[in-house]
Amino acid sequence: MKQLEVQIMGQNYMLGCPENSETRLLEAVRTVDSAMCKIRDAGKVKARDRIAVLAALNLAYQLQEPAPVLQQEADQAAEAPDTASESAHAQLEALLQRLDAALASENPAH
C-alpha cells in the first residue's frame, strides 16, 4: 500500500492508499479540506474536532440526498445565490445547535 502525505485544513496527514487510487483519495482530501475550511472561515466554530464533525455530517447528508434534489438545489443556487447562501447558513446553524447539544449531553461539565 502506498503512503501519501496530504494536508487538511493546514495540518499534515500520512494516509495509506491502495494502488491506482491516488486520484480518488486526493479528490476526497480536497472535498474534506474544502468542507472544513468553509466551516472554519464562517467564523462560528473554532475547534478542529467540531469542524471535522460538522464537515462529516454535511458530507454524509449530501451523500444521502437523491440526485434530483441536489440538482434542484444547484439550480436554485444559480438563480438566487443569496437565498442559497442563507439556506446553507441556516443549515449550518441547525447543525451547530445539534452538535452543541450532543457534545453537552456527552460531557455535562463542558
PDB file of N, CA and C in Angstrom:
ATOM      1  N   MET A   1       0.852  -1.173   0.000  1.00  0.00           N
ATOM      2  CA  MET A   1       0.000   0.000   0.000  1.00  0.00           C
ATOM      3  C   MET A   1       0.896   1.233   0.000  1.00  0.00           C
ATOM      4  N   LYS A   2       0.546   2.157  -0.842  1.00  0.00           N
ATOM      5  CA  LYS A   2       1.304   3.392  -0.986  1.00  0.00           C
ATOM      6  C   LYS A   2       0.923   4.363   0.128  1.00  0.00           C
ATOM      7  N   GLN A   3       1.854   5.191   0.561  1.00  0.00           N
ATOM      8  CA  GLN A   3       1.609   6.219   1.569  1.00  0.00           C
ATOM      9  C   GLN A   3       1.601   7.582   0.872  1.00  0.00           C
ATOM     10  N   LEU A   4       0.585   8.387   1.179  1.00  0.00           N
ATOM     11  CA  LEU A   4       0.507   9.743   0.641  1.00  0.00           C
ATOM     12  C   LEU A   4       0.460  10.729   1.792  1.00  0.00           C
ATOM     13  N   GLU A   5       1.248  11.780   1.687  1.00  0.00           N
ATOM     14  CA  GLU A   5       1.165  12.854   2.670  1.00  0.00           C
ATOM     15  C   GLU A   5       0.237  13.910   2.099  1.00  0.00           C
ATOM     16  N   VAL A   6      -0.787  14.246   2.870  1.00  0.00           N
ATOM     17  CA  VAL A   6      -1.780  15.229   2.440  1.00  0.00           C
ATOM     18  C   VAL A   6      -1.923  16.292   3.516  1.00  0.00           C
ATOM     19  N   GLN A   7      -2.587  17.364   3.157  1.00  0.00           N
ATOM     20  CA  GLN A   7      -2.820  18.444   4.109  1.00  0.00           C
ATOM     21  C   GLN A   7      -4.314  18.752   4.129  1.00  0.00           C
ATOM     22  N   ILE A   8      -4.875  18.749   5.333  1.00  0.00           N
ATOM     23  CA  ILE A   8      -6.277  19.092   5.521  1.00  0.00           C
ATOM     24  C   ILE A   8      -6.334  20.207   6.554  1.00  0.00           C
ATOM     25  N   MET A   9      -6.903  21.319   6.149  1.00  0.00           N
ATOM     26  CA  MET A   9      -7.032  22.498   6.993  1.00  0.00           C
ATOM     27  C   MET A   9      -5.700  22.868   7.647  1.00  0.00           C
ATOM     28  N   GLY A  10      -4.635  22.804   6.838  1.00  0.00           N
ATOM     29  CA  GLY A  10      -3.329  23.232   7.290  1.00  0.00           C
ATOM     30  C   GLY A  10      -2.542  22.222   8.099  1.00  0.00           C
ATOM     31  N   GLN A  11      -3.105  21.046   8.318  1.00  0.00           N
ATOM     32  CA  GLN A  11      -2.403  20.028   9.097  1.00  0.00           C
ATOM     33  C   GLN A  11      -2.054  18.846   8.197  1.00  0.00           C
ATOM     34  N   ASN A  12      -0.831  18.333   8.333  1.00  0.00           N
ATOM     35  CA  ASN A  12      -0.365  17.219   7.513  1.00  0.00           C
ATOM     36  C   ASN A  12      -0.833  15.883   8.067  1.00  0.00           C
ATOM     37  N   TYR A  13      -1.184  14.986   7.145  1.00  0.00           N
ATOM     38  CA  TYR A  13      -1.593  13.621   7.490  1.00  0.00           C
ATOM     39  C   TYR A  13      -0.917  12.662   6.532  1.00  0.00           C
ATOM     40  N   MET A  14      -0.509  11.510   7.033  1.00  0.00           N
ATOM     41  CA  MET A  14       0.044  10.458   6.202  1.00  0.00           C
ATOM     42  C   MET A  14      -1.047   9.395   6.067  1.00  0.00           C
ATOM     43  N   LEU A  15      -1.484   9.157   4.827  1.00  0.00           N
ATOM     44  CA  LEU A  15      -2.584   8.236   4.583  1.00  0.00           C
ATOM     45  C   LEU A  15      -2.132   7.048   3.751  1.00  0.00           C
ATOM     46  N   GLY A  16      -2.646   5.883   4.090  1.00  0.00           N
ATOM     47  CA  GLY A  16      -2.425   4.700   3.266  1.00  0.00           C
ATOM     48  C   GLY A  16      -3.357   4.767   2.070  1.00  0.00           C
ATOM     49  N   CYS A  17      -2.846   4.377   0.915  1.00  0.00           N
ATOM     50  CA  CYS A  17      -3.633   4.468  -0.306  1.00  0.00           C
ATOM     51  C   CYS A  17      -3.425   3.213  -1.145  1.00  0.00           C
ATOM     52  N   PRO A  18      -4.512   2.524  -1.477  1.00  0.00           N
ATOM     53  CA  PRO A  18      -4.374   1.359  -2.359  1.00  0.00           C
ATOM     54  C   PRO A  18      -3.782   1.767  -3.705  1.00  0.00           C
ATOM     55  N   GLU A  19      -3.099   0.849  -4.342  1.00  0.00           N
ATOM     56  CA  GLU A  19      -2.501   1.127  -5.651  1.00  0.00           C
ATOM     57  C   GLU A  19      -3.573   1.605  -6.623  1.00  0.00           C
ATOM     58  N   ASN A  20      -3.198   2.547  -7.462  1.00  0.00           N
ATOM     59  CA  ASN A  20      -4.065   3.095  -8.504  1.00  0.00           C
ATOM     60  C   ASN A  20      -5.287   3.834  -7.961  1.00  0.00           C
ATOM     61  N   SER A  21      -5.242   4.267  -6.708  1.00  0.00           N
ATOM     62  CA  SER A  21      -6.368   5.006  -6.125  1.00  0.00           C
ATOM     63  C   SER A  21      -5.969   6.401  -5.673  1.00  0.00           C
ATOM     64  N   GLU A  22      -4.785   6.843  -6.067  1.00  0.00           N
ATOM     65  CA  GLU A  22      -4.295   8.138  -5.608  1.00  0.00           C
ATOM     66  C   GLU A  22      -5.231   9.289  -6.004  1.00  0.00           C
ATOM     67  N   THR A  23      -5.711   9.256  -7.231  1.00  0.00           N
ATOM     68  CA  THR A  23      -6.570  10.341  -7.708  1.00  0.00           C
ATOM     69  C   THR A  23      -7.844  10.426  -6.881  1.00  0.00           C
ATOM     70  N   ARG A  24      -8.464   9.281  -6.619  1.00  0.00           N
ATOM     71  CA  ARG A  24      -9.704   9.277  -5.827  1.00  0.00           C
ATOM     72  C   ARG A  24      -9.449   9.752  -4.402  1.00  0.00           C
ATOM     73  N   LEU A  25      -8.337   9.308  -3.815  1.00  0.00           N
ATOM     74  CA  LEU A  25      -8.024   9.722  -2.452  1.00  0.00           C
ATOM     75  C   LEU A  25      -7.747  11.216  -2.391  1.00  0.00           C
ATOM     76  N   LEU A  26      -6.988  11.732  -3.345  1.00  0.00           N
ATOM     77  CA  LEU A  26      -6.673  13.159  -3.360  1.00  0.00           C
ATOM     78  C   LEU A  26      -7.937  14.003  -3.574  1.00  0.00           C
ATOM     79  N   GLU A  27      -8.874  13.515  -4.379  1.00  0.00           N
ATOM     80  CA  GLU A  27     -10.146  14.222  -4.563  1.00  0.00           C
ATOM     81  C   GLU A  27     -10.937  14.219  -3.258  1.00  0.00           C
ATOM     82  N   ALA A  28     -10.917  13.096  -2.541  1.00  0.00           N
ATOM     83  CA  ALA A  28     -11.598  13.022  -1.243  1.00  0.00           C
ATOM     84  C   ALA A  28     -10.962  13.989  -0.249  1.00  0.00           C
ATOM     85  N   VAL A  29      -9.641  14.081  -0.260  1.00  0.00           N
ATOM     86  CA  VAL A  29      -8.932  15.014   0.620  1.00  0.00           C
ATOM     87  C   VAL A  29      -9.334  16.448   0.291  1.00  0.00           C
ATOM     88  N   ARG A  30      -9.398  16.786  -0.998  1.00  0.00           N
ATOM     89  CA  ARG A  30      -9.804  18.141  -1.403  1.00  0.00           C
ATOM     90  C   ARG A  30     -11.235  18.437  -0.948  1.00  0.00           C
ATOM     91  N   THR A  31     -12.107  17.448  -1.046  1.00  0.00           N
ATOM     92  CA  THR A  31     -13.502  17.632  -0.631  1.00  0.00           C
ATOM     93  C   THR A  31     -13.593  17.889   0.865  1.00  0.00           C
ATOM     94  N   VAL A  32     -12.886  17.081   1.657  1.00  0.00           N
ATOM     95  CA  VAL A  32     -12.905  17.240   3.112  1.00  0.00           C
ATOM     96  C   VAL A  32     -12.252  18.567   3.510  1.00  0.00           C
ATOM     97  N   ASP A  33     -11.119  18.878   2.907  1.00  0.00           N
ATOM     98  CA  ASP A  33     -10.429  20.136   3.213  1.00  0.00           C
ATOM     99  C   ASP A  33     -11.322  21.327   2.904  1.00  0.00           C
ATOM    100  N   SER A  34     -11.969  21.304   1.757  1.00  0.00           N
ATOM    101  CA  SER A  34     -12.854  22.395   1.369  1.00  0.00           C
ATOM    102  C   SER A  34     -14.015  22.539   2.351  1.00  0.00           C
ATOM    103  N   ALA A  35     -14.635  21.417   2.710  1.00  0.00           N
ATOM    104  CA  ALA A  35     -15.763  21.456   3.644  1.00  0.00           C
ATOM    105  C   ALA A  35     -15.335  22.006   5.000  1.00  0.00           C
ATOM    106  N   MET A  36     -14.195  21.563   5.495  1.00  0.00           N
ATOM    107  CA  MET A  36     -13.717  22.020   6.801  1.00  0.00           C
ATOM    108  C   MET A  36     -13.322  23.496   6.757  1.00  0.00           C
ATOM    109  N   CYS A  37     -12.660  23.914   5.688  1.00  0.00           N
ATOM    110  CA  CYS A  37     -12.238  25.317   5.582  1.00  0.00           C
ATOM    111  C   CYS A  37     -13.434  26.257   5.485  1.00  0.00           C
ATOM    112  N   LYS A  38     -14.495  25.832   4.785  1.00  0.00           N
ATOM    113  CA  LYS A  38     -15.699  26.669   4.697  1.00  0.00           C
ATOM    114  C   LYS A  38     -16.311  26.873   6.077  1.00  0.00           C
ATOM    115  N   ILE A  39     -16.363  25.816   6.867  1.00  0.00           N
ATOM    116  CA  ILE A  39     -16.931  25.929   8.214  1.00  0.00           C
ATOM    117  C   ILE A  39     -16.044  26.815   9.074  1.00  0.00           C
ATOM    118  N   ARG A  40     -14.738  26.595   9.015  1.00  0.00           N
ATOM    119  CA  ARG A  40     -13.802  27.422   9.789  1.00  0.00           C
ATOM    120  C   ARG A  40     -13.899  28.881   9.383  1.00  0.00           C
ATOM    121  N   ASP A  41     -13.953  29.134   8.080  1.00  0.00           N
ATOM    122  CA  ASP A  41     -13.971  30.505   7.575  1.00  0.00           C
ATOM    123  C   ASP A  41     -15.279  31.230   7.874  1.00  0.00           C
ATOM    124  N   ALA A  42     -16.344  30.473   8.138  1.00  0.00           N
ATOM    125  CA  ALA A  42     -17.615  31.090   8.513  1.00  0.00           C
ATOM    126  C   ALA A  42     -17.488  31.769   9.873  1.00  0.00           C
ATOM    127  N   GLY A  43     -16.486  31.358  10.660  1.00  0.00           N
ATOM    128  CA  GLY A  43     -16.163  32.034  11.904  1.00  0.00           C
ATOM    129  C   GLY A  43     -16.960  31.617  13.115  1.00  0.00           C
ATOM    130  N   LYS A  44     -17.914  30.725  12.957  1.00  0.00           N
ATOM    131  CA  LYS A  44     -18.762  30.339  14.086  1.00  0.00           C
ATOM    132  C   LYS A  44     -18.118  29.256  14.951  1.00  0.00           C
ATOM    133  N   VAL A  45     -17.270  28.433  14.343  1.00  0.00           N
ATOM    134  CA  VAL A  45     -16.682  27.291  15.047  1.00  0.00           C
ATOM    135  C   VAL A  45     -15.172  27.375  14.924  1.00  0.00           C
ATOM    136  N   LYS A  46     -14.487  27.212  16.028  1.00  0.00           N
ATOM    137  CA  LYS A  46     -13.021  27.295  16.016  1.00  0.00           C
ATOM    138  C   LYS A  46     -12.354  25.941  16.311  1.00  0.00           C
ATOM    139  N   ALA A  47     -13.006  25.089  17.096  1.00  0.00           N
ATOM    140  CA  ALA A  47     -12.410  23.823  17.497  1.00  0.00           C
ATOM    141  C   ALA A  47     -12.338  22.864  16.305  1.00  0.00           C
ATOM    142  N   ARG A  48     -11.129  22.353  16.035  1.00  0.00           N
ATOM    143  CA  ARG A  48     -10.902  21.475  14.894  1.00  0.00           C
ATOM    144  C   ARG A  48     -11.795  20.228  14.939  1.00  0.00           C
ATOM    145  N   ASP A  49     -12.021  19.664  16.139  1.00  0.00           N
ATOM    146  CA  ASP A  49     -12.841  18.455  16.211  1.00  0.00           C
ATOM    147  C   ASP A  49     -14.291  18.754  15.856  1.00  0.00           C
ATOM    148  N   ARG A  50     -14.804  19.886  16.270  1.00  0.00           N
ATOM    149  CA  ARG A  50     -16.179  20.268  15.920  1.00  0.00           C
ATOM    150  C   ARG A  50     -16.298  20.558  14.431  1.00  0.00           C
ATOM    151  N   ILE A  51     -15.297  21.206  13.882  1.00  0.00           N
ATOM    152  CA  ILE A  51     -15.289  21.474  12.442  1.00  0.00           C
ATOM    153  C   ILE A  51     -15.306  20.153  11.678  1.00  0.00           C
ATOM    154  N   ALA A  52     -14.504  19.196  12.123  1.00  0.00           N
ATOM    155  CA  ALA A  52     -14.446  17.891  11.453  1.00  0.00           C
ATOM    156  C   ALA A  52     -15.789  17.173  11.529  1.00  0.00           C
ATOM    157  N   VAL A  53     -16.433  17.217  12.691  1.00  0.00           N
ATOM    158  CA  VAL A  53     -17.736  16.563  12.843  1.00  0.00           C
ATOM    159  C   VAL A  53     -18.764  17.232  11.939  1.00  0.00           C
ATOM    160  N   LEU A  54     -18.804  18.554  11.919  1.00  0.00           N
ATOM    161  CA  LEU A  54     -19.762  19.252  11.062  1.00  0.00           C
ATOM    162  C   LEU A  54     -19.519  18.955   9.588  1.00  0.00           C
ATOM    163  N   ALA A  55     -18.263  18.938   9.181  1.00  0.00           N
ATOM    164  CA  ALA A  55     -17.945  18.629   7.788  1.00  0.00           C
ATOM    165  C   ALA A  55     -18.384  17.208   7.451  1.00  0.00           C
ATOM    166  N   ALA A  56     -18.119  16.276   8.356  1.00  0.00           N
ATOM    167  CA  ALA A  56     -18.533  14.882   8.124  1.00  0.00           C
ATOM    168  C   ALA A  56     -20.051  14.777   8.019  1.00  0.00           C
ATOM    169  N   LEU A  57     -20.772  15.472   8.891  1.00  0.00           N
ATOM    170  CA  LEU A  57     -22.233  15.454   8.832  1.00  0.00           C
ATOM    171  C   LEU A  57     -22.743  16.059   7.526  1.00  0.00           C
ATOM    172  N   ASN A  58     -22.164  17.179   7.128  1.00  0.00           N
ATOM    173  CA  ASN A  58     -22.578  17.816   5.873  1.00  0.00           C
ATOM    174  C   ASN A  58     -22.345  16.883   4.683  1.00  0.00           C
ATOM    175  N   LEU A  59     -21.168  16.266   4.628  1.00  0.00           N
ATOM    176  CA  LEU A  59     -20.849  15.378   3.512  1.00  0.00           C
ATOM    177  C   LEU A  59     -21.737  14.135   3.516  1.00  0.00           C
ATOM    178  N   ALA A  60     -21.982  13.569   4.693  1.00  0.00           N
ATOM    179  CA  ALA A  60     -22.852  12.400   4.792  1.00  0.00           C
ATOM    180  C   ALA A  60     -24.271  12.752   4.365  1.00  0.00           C
ATOM    181  N   TYR A  61     -24.736  13.921   4.777  1.00  0.00           N
ATOM    182  CA  TYR A  61     -26.078  14.368   4.393  1.00  0.00           C
ATOM    183  C   TYR A  61     -26.174  14.520   2.877  1.00  0.00           C
ATOM    184  N   GLN A  62     -25.156  15.111   2.275  1.00  0.00           N
ATOM    185  CA  GLN A  62     -25.151  15.285   0.823  1.00  0.00           C
ATOM    186  C   GLN A  62     -25.172  13.948   0.096  1.00  0.00           C
ATOM    187  N   LEU A  63     -24.487  12.956   0.636  1.00  0.00           N
ATOM    188  CA  LEU A  63     -24.467  11.631   0.014  1.00  0.00           C
ATOM    189  C   LEU A  63     -25.821  10.946   0.092  1.00  0.00           C
ATOM    190  N   GLN A  64     -26.605  11.275   1.104  1.00  0.00           N
ATOM    191  CA  GLN A  64     -27.912  10.644   1.272  1.00  0.00           C
ATOM    192  C   GLN A  64     -28.990  11.276   0.406  1.00  0.00           C
ATOM    193  N   GLU A  65     -28.779  12.502  -0.060  1.00  0.00           N
ATOM    194  CA  GLU A  65     -29.788  13.192  -0.852  1.00  0.00           C
ATOM    195  C   GLU A  65     -29.889  12.568  -2.233  1.00  0.00           C
ATOM    196  N   PRO A  66     -31.121  12.389  -2.713  1.00  0.00           N
ATOM    197  CA  PRO A  66     -31.276  11.895  -4.075  1.00  0.00           C
ATOM    198  C   PRO A  66     -30.771  12.920  -5.083  1.00  0.00           C
ATOM    199  N   ALA A  67     -30.273  12.462  -6.208  1.00  0.00           N
ATOM    200  CA  ALA A  67     -29.684  13.333  -7.220  1.00  0.00           C
ATOM    201  C   ALA A  67     -30.622  14.448  -7.673  1.00  0.00           C
ATOM    202  N   PRO A  68     -31.929  14.207  -7.907  1.00  0.00           N
ATOM    203  CA  PRO A  68     -32.793  15.317  -8.345  1.00  0.00           C
ATOM    204  C   PRO A  68     -32.845  16.460  -7.325  1.00  0.00           C
ATOM    205  N   VAL A  69     -32.793  16.128  -6.042  1.00  0.00           N
ATOM    206  CA  VAL A  69     -32.815  17.174  -5.017  1.00  0.00           C
ATOM    207  C   VAL A  69     -31.545  18.006  -5.119  1.00  0.00           C
ATOM    208  N   LEU A  70     -30.404  17.347  -5.298  1.00  0.00           N
ATOM    209  CA  LEU A  70     -29.146  18.077  -5.436  1.00  0.00           C
ATOM    210  C   LEU A  70     -29.182  18.981  -6.669  1.00  0.00           C
ATOM    211  N   GLN A  71     -29.724  18.490  -7.785  1.00  0.00           N
ATOM    212  CA  GLN A  71     -29.798  19.294  -8.997  1.00  0.00           C
ATOM    213  C   GLN A  71     -30.717  20.492  -8.779  1.00  0.00           C
ATOM    214  N   GLN A  72     -31.836  20.269  -8.094  1.00  0.00           N
ATOM    215  CA  GLN A  72     -32.766  21.354  -7.817  1.00  0.00           C
ATOM    216  C   GLN A  72     -32.090  22.423  -6.959  1.00  0.00           C
ATOM    217  N   GLU A  73     -31.328  21.997  -5.935  1.00  0.00           N
ATOM    218  CA  GLU A  73     -30.625  22.959  -5.093  1.00  0.00           C
ATOM    219  C   GLU A  73     -29.573  23.715  -5.888  1.00  0.00           C
ATOM    220  N   ALA A  74     -28.886  23.036  -6.787  1.00  0.00           N
ATOM    221  CA  ALA A  74     -27.880  23.692  -7.619  1.00  0.00           C
ATOM    222  C   ALA A  74     -28.536  24.724  -8.529  1.00  0.00           C
ATOM    223  N   ASP A  75     -29.687  24.365  -9.095  1.00  0.00           N
ATOM    224  CA  ASP A  75     -30.412  25.306  -9.950  1.00  0.00           C
ATOM    225  C   ASP A  75     -30.859  26.527  -9.155  1.00  0.00           C
ATOM    226  N   GLN A  76     -31.379  26.302  -7.954  1.00  0.00           N
ATOM    227  CA  GLN A  76     -31.823  27.405  -7.115  1.00  0.00           C
ATOM    228  C   GLN A  76     -30.645  28.295  -6.730  1.00  0.00           C
ATOM    229  N   ALA A  77     -29.516  27.683  -6.440  1.00  0.00           N
ATOM    230  CA  ALA A  77     -28.330  28.461  -6.071  1.00  0.00           C
ATOM    231  C   ALA A  77     -27.874  29.331  -7.233  1.00  0.00           C
ATOM    232  N   ALA A  78     -27.972  28.804  -8.443  1.00  0.00           N
ATOM    233  CA  ALA A  78     -27.557  29.574  -9.616  1.00  0.00           C
ATOM    234  C   ALA A  78     -28.502  30.750  -9.857  1.00  0.00           C
ATOM    235  N   GLU A  79     -29.796  30.540  -9.598  1.00  0.00           N
ATOM    236  CA  GLU A  79     -30.783  31.594  -9.822  1.00  0.00           C
ATOM    237  C   GLU A  79     -30.776  32.642  -8.716  1.00  0.00           C
ATOM    238  N   ALA A  80     -30.574  32.196  -7.477  1.00  0.00           N
ATOM    239  CA  ALA A  80     -30.647  33.109  -6.332  1.00  0.00           C
ATOM    240  C   ALA A  80     -29.545  32.784  -5.339  1.00  0.00           C
ATOM    241  N   PRO A  81     -28.302  33.228  -5.615  1.00  0.00           N
ATOM    242  CA  PRO A  81     -27.189  32.874  -4.734  1.00  0.00           C
ATOM    243  C   PRO A  81     -27.368  33.349  -3.302  1.00  0.00           C
ATOM    244  N   ASP A  82     -28.006  34.491  -3.079  1.00  0.00           N
ATOM    245  CA  ASP A  82     -28.206  34.975  -1.717  1.00  0.00           C
ATOM    246  C   ASP A  82     -29.114  34.043  -0.937  1.00  0.00           C
ATOM    247  N   THR A  83     -30.177  33.563  -1.585  1.00  0.00           N
ATOM    248  CA  THR A  83     -31.101  32.640  -0.938  1.00  0.00           C
ATOM    249  C   THR A  83     -30.404  31.323  -0.628  1.00  0.00           C
ATOM    250  N   ALA A  84     -29.609  30.826  -1.565  1.00  0.00           N
ATOM    251  CA  ALA A  84     -28.882  29.581  -1.335  1.00  0.00           C
ATOM    252  C   ALA A  84     -27.902  29.740  -0.185  1.00  0.00           C
ATOM    253  N   SER A  85     -27.242  30.901  -0.129  1.00  0.00           N
ATOM    254  CA  SER A  85     -26.297  31.159   0.945  1.00  0.00           C
ATOM    255  C   SER A  85     -27.010  31.220   2.294  1.00  0.00           C
ATOM    256  N   GLU A  86     -28.167  31.860   2.312  1.00  0.00           N
ATOM    257  CA  GLU A  86     -28.946  31.934   3.549  1.00  0.00           C
ATOM    258  C   GLU A  86     -29.406  30.555   3.984  1.00  0.00           C
ATOM    259  N   SER A  87     -29.808  29.729   3.021  1.00  0.00           N
ATOM    260  CA  SER A  87     -30.247  28.362   3.328  1.00  0.00           C
ATOM    261  C   SER A  87     -29.092  27.545   3.891  1.00  0.00           C
ATOM    262  N   ALA A  88     -27.927  27.662   3.271  1.00  0.00           N
ATOM    263  CA  ALA A  88     -26.755  26.935   3.755  1.00  0.00           C
ATOM    264  C   ALA A  88     -26.377  27.413   5.151  1.00  0.00           C
ATOM    265  N   HIS A  89     -26.481  28.716   5.388  1.00  0.00           N
ATOM    266  CA  HIS A  89     -26.169  29.274   6.699  1.00  0.00           C
ATOM    267  C   HIS A  89     -27.148  28.747   7.748  1.00  0.00           C
ATOM    268  N   ALA A  90     -28.423  28.681   7.392  1.00  0.00           N
ATOM    269  CA  ALA A  90     -29.441  28.166   8.325  1.00  0.00           C
ATOM    270  C   ALA A  90     -29.178  26.698   8.634  1.00  0.00           C
ATOM    271  N   GLN A  91     -28.800  25.919   7.615  1.00  0.00           N
ATOM    272  CA  GLN A  91     -28.482  24.511   7.834  1.00  0.00           C
ATOM    273  C   GLN A  91     -27.266  24.371   8.745  1.00  0.00           C
ATOM    274  N   LEU A  92     -26.265  25.200   8.536  1.00  0.00           N
ATOM    275  CA  LEU A  92     -25.069  25.165   9.375  1.00  0.00           C
ATOM    276  C   LEU A  92     -25.412  25.517  10.812  1.00  0.00           C
ATOM    277  N   GLU A  93     -26.238  26.526  11.000  1.00  0.00           N
ATOM    278  CA  GLU A  93     -26.662  26.913  12.356  1.00  0.00           C
ATOM    279  C   GLU A  93     -27.386  25.762  13.042  1.00  0.00           C
ATOM    280  N   ALA A  94     -28.272  25.091  12.314  1.00  0.00           N
ATOM    281  CA  ALA A  94     -29.014  23.958  12.885  1.00  0.00           C
ATOM    282  C   ALA A  94     -28.064  22.825  13.262  1.00  0.00           C
ATOM    283  N   LEU A  95     -27.090  22.549  12.401  1.00  0.00           N
ATOM    284  CA  LEU A  95     -26.109  21.508  12.706  1.00  0.00           C
ATOM    285  C   LEU A  95     -25.271  21.875  13.925  1.00  0.00           C
ATOM    286  N   LEU A  96     -24.888  23.148  14.022  1.00  0.00           N
ATOM    287  CA  LEU A  96     -24.113  23.597  15.180  1.00  0.00           C
ATOM    288  C   LEU A  96     -24.896  23.404  16.473  1.00  0.00           C
ATOM    289  N   GLN A  97     -26.178  23.732  16.442  1.00  0.00           N
ATOM    290  CA  GLN A  97     -27.004  23.569  17.629  1.00  0.00           C
ATOM    291  C   GLN A  97     -27.114  22.096  18.020  1.00  0.00           C
ATOM    292  N   ARG A  98     -27.309  21.224  17.026  1.00  0.00           N
ATOM    293  CA  ARG A  98     -27.395  19.789  17.332  1.00  0.00           C
ATOM    294  C   ARG A  98     -26.068  19.253  17.842  1.00  0.00           C
ATOM    295  N   LEU A  99     -24.966  19.717  17.252  1.00  0.00           N
ATOM    296  CA  LEU A  99     -23.645  19.284  17.693  1.00  0.00           C
ATOM    297  C   LEU A  99     -23.382  19.735  19.121  1.00  0.00           C
ATOM    298  N   ASP A 100     -23.702  20.996  19.432  1.00  0.00           N
ATOM    299  CA  ASP A 100     -23.521  21.500  20.794  1.00  0.00           C
ATOM    300  C   ASP A 100     -24.357  20.698  21.784  1.00  0.00           C
ATOM    301  N   ALA A 101     -25.594  20.384  21.415  1.00  0.00           N
ATOM    302  CA  ALA A 101     -26.462  19.602  22.301  1.00  0.00           C
ATOM    303  C   ALA A 101     -25.908  18.202  22.512  1.00  0.00           C
ATOM    304  N   ALA A 102     -25.409  17.588  21.445  1.00  0.00           N
ATOM    305  CA  ALA A 102     -24.854  16.240  21.558  1.00  0.00           C
ATOM    306  C   ALA A 102     -23.592  16.238  22.405  1.00  0.00           C
ATOM    307  N   LEU A 103     -22.730  17.221  22.186  1.00  0.00           N
ATOM    308  CA  LEU A 103     -21.491  17.297  22.958  1.00  0.00           C
ATOM    309  C   LEU A 103     -21.788  17.628  24.421  1.00  0.00           C
ATOM    310  N   ALA A 104     -22.781  18.451  24.677  1.00  0.00           N
ATOM    311  CA  ALA A 104     -23.145  18.791  26.056  1.00  0.00           C
ATOM    312  C   ALA A 104     -23.689  17.582  26.787  1.00  0.00           C
ATOM    313  N   SER A 105     -24.462  16.758  26.111  1.00  0.00           N
ATOM    314  CA  SER A 105     -25.009  15.570  26.766  1.00  0.00           C
ATOM    315  C   SER A 105     -23.935  14.516  27.001  1.00  0.00           C
ATOM    316  N   GLU A 106     -22.883  14.521  26.152  1.00  0.00           N
ATOM    317  CA  GLU A 106     -21.768  13.600  26.328  1.00  0.00           C
ATOM    318  C   GLU A 106     -20.864  14.019  27.474  1.00  0.00           C
ATOM    319  N   ASN A 107     -20.689  15.336  27.625  1.00  0.00           N
ATOM    320  CA  ASN A 107     -19.764  15.873  28.603  1.00  0.00           C
ATOM    321  C   ASN A 107     -20.429  17.034  29.327  1.00  0.00           C
ATOM    322  N   PRO A 108     -21.259  16.756  30.333  1.00  0.00           N
ATOM    323  CA  PRO A 108     -22.016  17.818  31.010  1.00  0.00           C
ATOM    324  C   PRO A 108     -21.132  18.909  31.626  1.00  0.00           C
ATOM    325  N   ALA A 109     -19.901  18.610  31.971  1.00  0.00           N
ATOM    326  CA  ALA A 109     -19.017  19.595  32.595  1.00  0.00           C
ATOM    327  C   ALA A 109     -18.482  20.589  31.571  1.00  0.00           C
ATOM    328  N   HIS A 110     -18.613  20.289  30.258  1.00  0.00           N
ATOM    329  CA  HIS A 110     -18.080  21.129  29.180  1.00  0.00           C
ATOM    330  C   HIS A 110     -18.919  22.296  28.945  1.00  0.00           C
TER     331      HIS A 110
END
